[in-house]
Amino acid sequence: MVFSSITFLFFFLPAFLILYYLVPGRAKNVVLLVFSLIFYAWGEPKYIFLMMFSSMVDYLDGLALNALHAHPKMRKLPLAAALIINLGLLAYFKYADFAVGIWNSLTPWDRELPGVALPIGISFYTFQTVSYSIDVYKERIKPEKNYFDYLTYVCMFPQLIAGPIVRFSTVQQELKDRKVCESGFVKGFRRFLTGLFRKVLIADQCGALWEGIRTAGNISAVTAWLGILAFTLQLYFDFSAYSDMAIGLGEMLGFHFPENFLYPLSATSITDFWRKWHISLSSWFRDYVYIPLGGNRAGTLKHLRNMFAVWFLTGLWHGASWNFVLWGLYHGVLLTLEKYVWGKGLKKLPKLLQHLYAIVIVVVGFGIFTFDDLGELALYFPKLICAAGNPFLGPELIWHAGNYLPFLLAAFILSFPVYPAFKEKLGKADVHRRNLAEILGVLATVALFVLALSSMVRDSYSPFLYFRF
């Protein structure tokens, strides 16, 4: 089930909210758990037991770690068992075909591909359960004694499928006692609608532009650049829209999920970009891989080893394909160069040049990211520099850019923190202007909702891009 669907907006969500607000106190967790299981089973009924099994493993691991508090050496056994089981499941379901494909390419003994289907959201909920086990082991948090509360944490539908990756410490107290109020509902509902508009009215349109360019025949270099720029905008607005909707839904229910994006396309370096893009994933790898390996405290060579280990895993986390590995290592190399070679010089450049540097690198990176087929990647990238016999500029650019110009302009403007700046300035205005702005805002929201609704009715099924990760 997709947030930006008629089924979710007009059937699932209203039914859930009515029941959720009617029942008292702790019963809200029951409603949330039941609807979360229905939500997941809607698209993946056979894999719901896999998620429950994974949750049970880490729940029992937490209890075992607590029981062995006085025996530090023995506590490593249940932790190791939980990590092996959960990461083993992720490896099997996500990378079995990839591993067999590598085996077949390197040896004469071919094996049939297992054809394992990827359970939706497994990359996200596995990282949540793994972080829980490690945090209990490190005694950063106390283990949850109520299995159903823990299962609610793992499978709550607002952030189950595509994040943000919420750590147990973030919601542990709110699972027991949270404030559900009108102001939180209104604020969360506005955030949810913001995500809906960004997904349907911007991301999907940028996606249509990219698909048109990608499947076109001969295109000019400028059009090829427009294509990967359109994909970059699609990915950003699609993924950040899901995070907006998840955070908004959480706030409507009394939960406070972490921010996942802070206008990353306004970054002035690749280091800055990764402080603002998919923050919950970056911080997860930092805290559970990079720092345990020694971070930057063990000398230059080990620091380089740690960085490339993290970025290899970051790329591989996104998918079982070489383009994702290449994309991860691409960012690892550039972050290394920024730190050790040209980072200080970069900071001395004008902000505009810093931004152009960052956005070109990001766009090229997402050009690598989008092509699962390296053969297709090898055919497309020469077009960027006219090495495929294509012209620098062609008449098709006017058609592609002209048809999607309003969406591209909206995407460009909203990629920068224009709206927060407007809100800050509005907060300093007199009461009459604030009231007028509130009325205009309501009218604009209604108009955008009608446009989004008509687009959802007209267009075909359009899942969020990160569902496949």
Protein backbone atom coordinates (compact mmCIF):
# COMPACT_ATOMS: atom_id res chain seq x y z
CA MET A 1 0.00 0.00 0.00
CA VAL A 2 1.35 3.41 -0.98
CA PHE A 3 0.78 6.62 1.00
CA SER A 4 0.03 8.46 -2.23
CA SER A 5 -2.86 6.18 -3.22
CA ILE A 6 -6.62 6.50 -3.07
CA THR A 7 -6.85 3.32 -0.99
CA PHE A 8 -4.57 4.67 1.71
CA LEU A 9 -5.86 8.25 1.78
CA PHE A 10 -9.60 7.57 1.76
CA PHE A 11 -9.97 4.13 3.32
CA PHE A 12 -7.02 2.85 5.35
CA LEU A 13 -5.91 6.12 7.00
CA PRO A 14 -9.37 7.41 8.01
CA ALA A 15 -10.38 4.03 9.47
CA PHE A 16 -7.12 3.82 11.38
CA LEU A 17 -7.28 7.38 12.74
CA ILE A 18 -10.88 7.05 13.89
CA LEU A 19 -10.11 3.91 15.88
CA TYR A 20 -6.77 5.25 17.11
CA TYR A 21 -8.31 8.40 18.55
CA LEU A 22 -11.34 6.62 19.98
CA VAL A 23 -9.47 4.08 22.10
CA PRO A 24 -7.80 5.18 25.35
CA GLY A 25 -4.15 5.17 26.43
CA ARG A 26 -2.23 1.96 25.90
CA ALA A 27 -4.92 0.54 23.63
CA LYS A 28 -3.63 2.89 20.95
CA ASN A 29 -0.60 0.61 20.59
CA VAL A 30 -2.91 -2.31 19.84
CA VAL A 31 -4.66 -0.36 17.09
CA LEU A 32 -1.32 0.81 15.69
CA LEU A 33 0.11 -2.72 15.72
CA VAL A 34 -2.92 -4.33 14.08
CA PHE A 35 -3.14 -1.72 11.32
CA SER A 36 0.63 -1.86 10.78
CA LEU A 37 0.44 -5.61 10.22
CA ILE A 38 -2.49 -5.11 7.84
CA PHE A 39 -0.54 -2.39 6.02
CA TYR A 40 2.48 -4.66 5.52
CA ALA A 41 0.40 -7.74 4.69
CA TRP A 42 -1.41 -5.72 2.00
CA GLY A 43 1.68 -5.89 -0.19
CA GLU A 44 3.72 -8.72 1.38
CA PRO A 45 1.40 -11.18 3.19
CA LYS A 46 3.83 -14.10 3.16
CA TYR A 47 6.72 -12.03 4.52
CA ILE A 48 4.91 -10.68 7.54
CA PHE A 49 6.05 -13.74 9.49
CA LEU A 50 9.66 -13.05 8.49
CA MET A 51 9.41 -9.58 10.01
CA MET A 52 7.79 -10.95 13.16
CA PHE A 53 10.48 -13.63 13.43
CA SER A 54 13.24 -11.03 13.05
CA SER A 55 11.58 -8.93 15.75
CA MET A 56 11.29 -11.93 18.08
CA VAL A 57 14.99 -12.74 17.65
CA ASP A 58 16.07 -9.30 18.81
CA TYR A 59 13.44 -9.10 21.53
CA LEU A 60 14.73 -12.36 23.03
CA ASP A 61 18.29 -11.20 22.50
CA GLY A 62 17.56 -8.09 24.56
CA LEU A 63 16.18 -10.20 27.41
CA ALA A 64 19.18 -12.54 27.27
CA LEU A 65 21.62 -9.62 27.31
CA ASN A 66 19.86 -8.20 30.34
CA ALA A 67 19.88 -11.56 32.15
CA LEU A 68 23.63 -11.90 31.50
CA HIS A 69 24.43 -8.43 32.79
CA ALA A 70 26.83 -9.84 35.40
CA HIS A 71 28.65 -12.00 32.82
CA PRO A 72 30.20 -9.63 30.23
CA LYS A 73 32.00 -12.32 28.22
CA MET A 74 28.90 -14.49 27.87
CA ARG A 75 26.83 -11.52 26.62
CA LYS A 76 28.66 -11.66 23.29
CA LEU A 77 27.00 -14.98 22.40
CA PRO A 78 23.36 -13.82 22.20
CA LEU A 79 24.44 -10.62 20.46
CA ALA A 80 26.42 -12.58 17.86
CA ALA A 81 23.48 -14.95 17.34
CA ALA A 82 21.06 -12.08 16.78
CA LEU A 83 23.38 -10.31 14.35
CA ILE A 84 24.08 -13.49 12.39
CA ILE A 85 20.38 -14.34 12.09
CA ASN A 86 19.19 -10.87 11.11
CA LEU A 87 22.04 -9.97 8.79
CA GLY A 88 21.94 -13.51 7.40
CA LEU A 89 18.28 -13.10 6.50
CA LEU A 90 19.01 -9.74 4.87
CA ALA A 91 21.93 -11.24 2.95
CA TYR A 92 19.88 -14.19 1.71
CA PHE A 93 16.80 -12.30 0.58
CA LYS A 94 18.68 -9.33 -0.86
CA TYR A 95 21.93 -10.75 -2.19
CA ALA A 96 21.41 -14.46 -2.99
CA ASP A 97 20.88 -13.89 -6.72
CA PHE A 98 23.73 -11.36 -6.82
CA ALA A 99 26.13 -13.80 -5.13
CA VAL A 100 25.19 -16.69 -7.42
CA GLY A 101 25.59 -14.39 -10.43
CA ILE A 102 29.12 -13.52 -9.30
CA TRP A 103 29.89 -17.22 -8.79
CA ASN A 104 28.64 -18.03 -12.28
CA SER A 105 30.78 -15.28 -13.82
CA LEU A 106 33.95 -16.36 -12.02
CA THR A 107 33.71 -20.16 -12.24
CA PRO A 108 32.76 -22.74 -14.90
CA TRP A 109 30.24 -24.35 -12.53
CA ASP A 110 27.09 -22.39 -13.16
CA ARG A 111 24.30 -22.45 -10.61
CA GLU A 112 20.69 -21.55 -11.24
CA LEU A 113 19.70 -18.21 -9.74
CA PRO A 114 17.53 -18.77 -6.64
CA GLY A 115 15.04 -16.13 -7.78
CA VAL A 116 14.48 -14.89 -4.23
CA ALA A 117 11.95 -12.07 -3.97
CA LEU A 118 13.00 -9.07 -1.87
CA PRO A 119 10.64 -8.45 1.08
CA ILE A 120 9.55 -4.81 1.15
CA GLY A 121 11.31 -2.74 3.79
CA ILE A 122 13.69 -5.49 4.95
CA SER A 123 16.74 -3.22 4.69
CA PHE A 124 15.10 -0.65 6.96
CA TYR A 125 13.57 -2.84 9.64
CA THR A 126 16.69 -5.06 9.80
CA PHE A 127 18.84 -2.02 10.60
CA GLN A 128 16.34 -1.04 13.30
CA THR A 129 16.41 -4.45 14.96
CA VAL A 130 20.20 -4.70 14.70
CA SER A 131 20.64 -1.26 16.28
CA TYR A 132 18.35 -2.33 19.13
CA SER A 133 20.48 -5.41 19.92
CA ILE A 134 23.72 -3.45 19.80
CA ASP A 135 22.34 -0.62 21.95
CA VAL A 136 21.12 -3.08 24.57
CA TYR A 137 24.50 -4.82 24.51
CA LYS A 138 26.30 -1.49 24.93
CA GLU A 139 23.81 -0.63 27.71
CA ARG A 140 22.75 2.54 25.95
CA ILE A 141 19.12 1.51 26.43
CA LYS A 142 17.19 -0.88 28.62
CA PRO A 143 15.62 -3.90 26.89
CA GLU A 144 11.91 -3.83 26.16
CA LYS A 145 10.06 -6.43 28.25
CA ASN A 146 6.76 -6.23 26.36
CA TYR A 147 7.11 -8.05 23.03
CA PHE A 148 4.07 -6.38 21.49
CA ASP A 149 5.43 -2.92 22.27
CA TYR A 150 8.71 -3.93 20.64
CA LEU A 151 6.90 -5.37 17.61
CA THR A 152 4.94 -2.12 17.35
CA TYR A 153 8.25 -0.25 17.21
CA VAL A 154 9.60 -2.46 14.43
CA CYS A 155 6.53 -2.55 12.20
CA MET A 156 4.72 0.76 12.79
CA PHE A 157 3.49 1.57 9.31
CA PRO A 158 4.44 5.28 9.01
CA GLN A 159 8.16 4.50 8.66
CA LEU A 160 8.18 0.75 8.07
CA ILE A 161 8.80 0.63 4.33
CA ALA A 162 11.34 3.39 3.62
CA GLY A 163 12.42 5.01 6.85
CA PRO A 164 13.63 7.12 8.39
CA ILE A 165 15.56 4.47 10.32
CA VAL A 166 14.20 5.07 13.81
CA ARG A 167 16.23 3.83 16.75
CA PHE A 168 14.47 2.32 19.73
CA SER A 169 15.87 4.99 22.04
CA THR A 170 14.02 7.63 20.00
CA VAL A 171 10.55 6.18 20.66
CA GLN A 172 11.06 3.99 23.74
CA GLN A 173 9.36 6.41 26.10
CA GLU A 174 6.65 7.37 23.61
CA LEU A 175 5.66 3.72 23.18
CA LYS A 176 4.63 3.76 26.84
CA ASP A 177 3.34 7.29 27.22
CA ARG A 178 2.93 9.88 24.48
CA LYS A 179 0.98 13.07 24.06
CA VAL A 180 -1.71 12.86 21.38
CA CYS A 181 -3.22 16.30 20.88
CA GLU A 182 -4.94 18.52 18.35
CA SER A 183 -1.91 20.74 17.73
CA GLY A 184 0.28 17.68 17.04
CA PHE A 185 -2.33 16.28 14.67
CA VAL A 186 -2.61 19.56 12.73
CA LYS A 187 1.16 19.97 12.50
CA GLY A 188 1.64 16.36 11.46
CA PHE A 189 -1.20 16.51 8.93
CA ARG A 190 0.36 19.56 7.28
CA ARG A 191 3.71 17.78 7.11
CA PHE A 192 2.01 14.73 5.60
CA LEU A 193 0.32 16.85 2.93
CA THR A 194 3.63 18.54 2.14
CA GLY A 195 5.10 15.12 1.43
CA LEU A 196 2.09 14.11 -0.65
CA PHE A 197 2.40 17.20 -2.84
CA ARG A 198 6.17 16.76 -3.24
CA LYS A 199 5.70 13.12 -4.30
CA VAL A 200 2.77 13.47 -6.69
CA LEU A 201 3.26 16.94 -8.14
CA ILE A 202 7.07 17.10 -8.36
CA ALA A 203 8.79 13.71 -7.96
CA ASP A 204 6.48 11.80 -10.29
CA GLN A 205 6.70 14.53 -12.94
CA CYS A 206 10.50 14.64 -12.79
CA GLY A 207 10.38 10.86 -13.07
CA ALA A 208 8.26 11.08 -16.21
CA LEU A 209 10.80 13.49 -17.73
CA TRP A 210 13.69 11.16 -16.88
CA GLU A 211 11.89 8.15 -18.31
CA GLY A 212 11.20 10.03 -21.53
CA ILE A 213 14.86 10.99 -21.94
CA ARG A 214 16.19 7.60 -20.85
CA THR A 215 14.15 5.72 -23.44
CA ALA A 216 14.73 8.22 -26.24
CA GLY A 217 17.00 7.38 -29.13
CA ASN A 218 19.61 9.96 -30.11
CA ILE A 219 19.81 12.80 -27.61
CA SER A 220 22.20 15.70 -27.24
CA ALA A 221 24.69 16.05 -24.38
CA VAL A 222 22.64 18.81 -22.77
CA THR A 223 19.52 16.63 -22.86
CA ALA A 224 21.49 13.75 -21.35
CA TRP A 225 22.54 16.03 -18.49
CA LEU A 226 18.94 17.17 -18.11
CA GLY A 227 17.96 13.49 -17.81
CA ILE A 228 20.22 12.62 -14.87
CA LEU A 229 19.37 15.96 -13.26
CA ALA A 230 15.68 15.04 -13.55
CA PHE A 231 16.39 11.66 -11.95
CA THR A 232 18.30 13.36 -9.12
CA LEU A 233 15.34 15.64 -8.48
CA GLN A 234 12.94 12.71 -8.71
CA LEU A 235 14.91 10.68 -6.20
CA TYR A 236 15.28 13.58 -3.78
CA PHE A 237 11.64 14.65 -3.85
CA ASP A 238 10.37 11.07 -3.86
CA PHE A 239 12.44 9.93 -0.89
CA SER A 240 12.21 13.14 1.13
CA ALA A 241 8.46 13.16 0.46
CA TYR A 242 8.16 9.71 2.03
CA SER A 243 10.14 10.96 5.04
CA ASP A 244 7.87 14.02 5.28
CA MET A 245 4.79 11.79 5.22
CA ALA A 246 6.27 9.35 7.73
CA ILE A 247 7.32 12.11 10.13
CA GLY A 248 3.94 13.80 9.71
CA LEU A 249 2.02 10.58 10.39
CA GLY A 250 4.21 9.94 13.42
CA GLU A 251 3.44 13.38 14.81
CA MET A 252 -0.27 12.82 14.27
CA LEU A 253 0.07 9.72 16.47
CA GLY A 254 2.24 11.35 19.15
CA PHE A 255 5.65 10.08 17.93
CA HIS A 256 8.62 12.24 17.00
CA PHE A 257 10.77 10.64 14.31
CA PRO A 258 14.17 12.10 13.36
CA GLU A 259 14.60 14.38 10.37
CA ASN A 260 16.02 12.58 7.35
CA PHE A 261 16.75 15.41 4.90
CA LEU A 262 17.98 18.98 5.37
CA TYR A 263 17.97 20.41 1.83
CA PRO A 264 20.90 18.26 0.64
CA LEU A 265 20.86 19.66 -2.90
CA SER A 266 21.90 23.01 -1.45
CA ALA A 267 25.15 21.43 -0.19
CA THR A 268 28.51 23.07 -0.84
CA SER A 269 30.60 19.87 -0.68
CA ILE A 270 30.09 16.11 -0.71
CA THR A 271 30.80 16.05 3.02
CA ASP A 272 28.05 18.63 3.48
CA PHE A 273 25.74 16.64 1.21
CA TRP A 274 26.06 13.53 3.36
CA ARG A 275 25.27 15.51 6.48
CA LYS A 276 21.95 16.41 4.88
CA TRP A 277 20.96 13.36 2.77
CA HIS A 278 19.35 10.26 4.29
CA ILE A 279 20.62 11.34 7.70
CA SER A 280 19.28 8.31 9.55
CA LEU A 281 21.27 5.94 7.31
CA SER A 282 24.47 8.01 7.44
CA SER A 283 24.32 8.22 11.23
CA TRP A 284 23.57 4.47 11.45
CA PHE A 285 26.73 3.56 9.52
CA ARG A 286 28.71 6.11 11.51
CA ASP A 287 27.61 4.75 14.90
CA TYR A 288 27.49 1.01 14.14
CA VAL A 289 30.27 0.54 11.57
CA TYR A 290 32.62 3.52 11.22
CA ILE A 291 33.22 4.32 14.91
CA PRO A 292 33.49 0.65 16.03
CA LEU A 293 36.15 0.15 13.33
CA GLY A 294 38.12 3.01 14.84
CA GLY A 295 36.82 5.98 12.88
CA ASN A 296 39.59 8.49 12.18
CA ARG A 297 41.48 7.79 15.41
CA ALA A 298 43.76 4.96 14.21
CA GLY A 299 46.03 6.63 11.66
CA THR A 300 45.58 7.54 8.00
CA LEU A 301 45.68 4.04 6.49
CA LYS A 302 43.16 2.60 8.91
CA HIS A 303 41.01 5.67 8.52
CA LEU A 304 40.97 5.12 4.75
CA ARG A 305 40.12 1.45 5.34
CA ASN A 306 37.24 2.44 7.60
CA MET A 307 35.88 4.99 5.15
CA PHE A 308 35.95 2.62 2.20
CA ALA A 309 34.40 -0.18 4.26
CA VAL A 310 31.53 2.14 5.16
CA TRP A 311 30.99 3.37 1.62
CA PHE A 312 31.23 -0.09 0.11
CA LEU A 313 28.54 -1.24 2.56
CA THR A 314 26.49 1.91 1.99
CA GLY A 315 26.40 1.23 -1.72
CA LEU A 316 25.67 -2.46 -1.24
CA TRP A 317 22.86 -1.65 1.23
CA HIS A 318 21.02 0.15 -1.54
CA GLY A 319 20.85 -2.87 -3.79
CA ALA A 320 22.37 -6.10 -5.08
CA SER A 321 23.95 -4.65 -8.17
CA TRP A 322 27.42 -3.44 -9.12
CA ASN A 323 26.21 0.07 -9.92
CA PHE A 324 25.30 0.58 -6.25
CA VAL A 325 28.73 -0.63 -5.14
CA LEU A 326 30.33 1.67 -7.72
CA TRP A 327 28.17 4.57 -6.49
CA GLY A 328 29.18 3.96 -2.87
CA LEU A 329 32.90 3.76 -3.69
CA TYR A 330 32.57 6.84 -5.91
CA HIS A 331 31.39 8.83 -2.89
CA GLY A 332 34.04 7.22 -0.69
CA VAL A 333 36.81 8.36 -3.07
CA LEU A 334 35.45 11.91 -3.28
CA LEU A 335 35.01 12.22 0.49
CA THR A 336 38.60 11.02 0.92
CA LEU A 337 39.87 13.56 -1.59
CA GLU A 338 37.91 16.32 0.10
CA LYS A 339 39.43 15.44 3.45
CA TYR A 340 43.04 14.93 2.39
CA VAL A 341 43.54 16.82 -0.88
CA TRP A 342 41.33 19.73 -1.86
CA GLY A 343 38.92 20.26 1.05
CA LYS A 344 40.66 23.35 2.45
CA GLY A 345 40.96 24.91 -1.00
CA LEU A 346 37.30 24.20 -1.72
CA LYS A 347 36.22 26.24 1.32
CA LYS A 348 38.05 29.29 -0.05
CA LEU A 349 36.01 29.32 -3.27
CA PRO A 350 32.86 31.46 -3.63
CA LYS A 351 29.74 29.70 -2.34
CA LEU A 352 28.27 29.49 -5.84
CA LEU A 353 31.28 27.56 -7.14
CA GLN A 354 31.22 25.29 -4.08
CA HIS A 355 27.59 24.52 -4.78
CA LEU A 356 28.17 23.89 -8.49
CA TYR A 357 31.03 21.53 -7.61
CA ALA A 358 28.82 19.58 -5.19
CA ILE A 359 25.76 19.38 -7.43
CA VAL A 360 27.72 18.15 -10.48
CA ILE A 361 29.30 15.37 -8.40
CA VAL A 362 25.93 14.44 -6.86
CA VAL A 363 24.15 14.38 -10.23
CA VAL A 364 26.86 12.25 -11.84
CA GLY A 365 26.70 9.93 -8.83
CA PHE A 366 22.97 9.46 -9.16
CA GLY A 367 23.52 8.84 -12.86
CA ILE A 368 25.55 5.81 -11.76
CA PHE A 369 22.94 4.97 -9.15
CA THR A 370 20.00 4.72 -11.54
CA PHE A 371 21.44 2.17 -13.99
CA ASP A 372 21.18 -1.39 -12.65
CA ASP A 373 22.52 -2.58 -16.01
CA LEU A 374 26.16 -1.54 -16.38
CA GLY A 375 25.82 -1.97 -20.12
CA GLU A 376 23.12 0.68 -20.18
CA LEU A 377 25.30 2.87 -17.97
CA ALA A 378 28.17 2.50 -20.44
CA LEU A 379 25.89 3.55 -23.30
CA TYR A 380 24.40 6.58 -21.53
CA PHE A 381 27.43 8.24 -19.91
CA PRO A 382 29.37 8.89 -23.17
CA LYS A 383 26.37 10.97 -24.27
CA LEU A 384 27.16 13.43 -21.46
CA ILE A 385 30.42 14.45 -23.18
CA CYS A 386 29.39 13.92 -26.84
CA ALA A 387 31.55 10.77 -26.99
CA ALA A 388 28.70 8.69 -28.44
CA GLY A 389 28.57 10.70 -31.67
CA ASN A 390 25.69 12.79 -30.36
CA PRO A 391 25.55 16.59 -30.70
CA PHE A 392 26.11 19.02 -27.84
CA LEU A 393 22.68 20.60 -28.30
CA GLY A 394 19.60 19.24 -30.05
CA PRO A 395 15.99 20.28 -30.80
CA GLU A 396 14.59 17.57 -28.50
CA LEU A 397 15.78 19.62 -25.50
CA ILE A 398 13.06 22.22 -26.11
CA TRP A 399 10.37 19.54 -26.18
CA HIS A 400 11.54 17.77 -23.02
CA ALA A 401 12.33 20.88 -21.00
CA GLY A 402 9.30 22.80 -22.27
CA ASN A 403 6.78 20.14 -21.28
CA TYR A 404 8.11 19.90 -17.74
CA LEU A 405 9.37 23.45 -17.15
CA PRO A 406 6.92 24.34 -14.30
CA PHE A 407 7.82 21.16 -12.39
CA LEU A 408 11.55 21.69 -12.92
CA LEU A 409 11.33 25.28 -11.68
CA ALA A 410 9.32 24.19 -8.63
CA ALA A 411 11.81 21.40 -7.93
CA PHE A 412 14.76 23.75 -8.24
CA ILE A 413 13.28 26.40 -5.93
CA LEU A 414 12.12 23.90 -3.31
CA SER A 415 15.53 22.19 -3.26
CA PHE A 416 16.75 25.22 -1.32
CA PRO A 417 15.54 26.36 2.13
CA VAL A 418 13.26 29.02 0.62
CA TYR A 419 10.15 27.99 2.55
CA PRO A 420 11.79 28.07 6.03
CA ALA A 421 13.18 31.51 5.21
CA PHE A 422 9.71 32.66 4.14
CA LYS A 423 8.18 31.31 7.36
CA GLU A 424 10.80 33.06 9.45
CA LYS A 425 10.16 36.36 7.70
CA LEU A 426 6.41 35.89 8.00
CA GLY A 427 6.78 35.32 11.74
CA LYS A 428 8.15 38.85 12.05
CA ALA A 429 5.25 40.38 10.11
CA ASP A 430 2.24 42.07 11.69
CA VAL A 431 -0.82 40.06 12.67
CA HIS A 432 -2.87 41.12 9.65
CA ARG A 433 -0.28 39.88 7.19
CA ARG A 434 0.09 36.63 9.11
CA ASN A 435 -3.68 36.08 9.04
CA LEU A 436 -3.77 36.82 5.30
CA ALA A 437 -0.91 34.41 4.72
CA GLU A 438 -2.73 31.74 6.75
CA ILE A 439 -5.87 32.12 4.61
CA LEU A 440 -3.86 32.03 1.38
CA GLY A 441 -1.99 29.00 2.69
CA VAL A 442 -5.23 27.11 3.32
CA LEU A 443 -6.52 27.98 -0.16
CA ALA A 444 -3.23 26.90 -1.74
CA THR A 445 -3.31 23.62 0.22
CA VAL A 446 -6.83 22.87 -1.03
CA ALA A 447 -5.83 23.67 -4.60
CA LEU A 448 -2.71 21.51 -4.40
CA PHE A 449 -4.70 18.65 -2.88
CA VAL A 450 -7.18 18.77 -5.76
CA LEU A 451 -4.31 18.74 -8.26
CA ALA A 452 -2.61 15.87 -6.46
CA LEU A 453 -5.85 13.91 -6.25
CA SER A 454 -6.57 14.36 -9.96
CA SER A 455 -3.03 13.22 -10.73
CA MET A 456 -3.41 10.10 -8.56
CA VAL A 457 -6.70 9.22 -10.24
CA ARG A 458 -5.30 9.79 -13.73
CA ASP A 459 -1.87 8.20 -13.42
CA SER A 460 -0.94 4.57 -12.88
CA TYR A 461 0.52 3.03 -9.72
CA SER A 462 3.67 4.93 -8.71
CA PRO A 463 5.47 3.44 -5.71
CA PHE A 464 8.20 5.28 -3.84
CA LEU A 465 11.64 4.59 -5.32
CA TYR A 466 13.16 3.43 -2.04
CA PHE A 467 10.59 0.60 -1.76
CA ARG A 468 13.02 -1.53 -3.79
CA PHE A 469 15.83 -1.08 -1.28
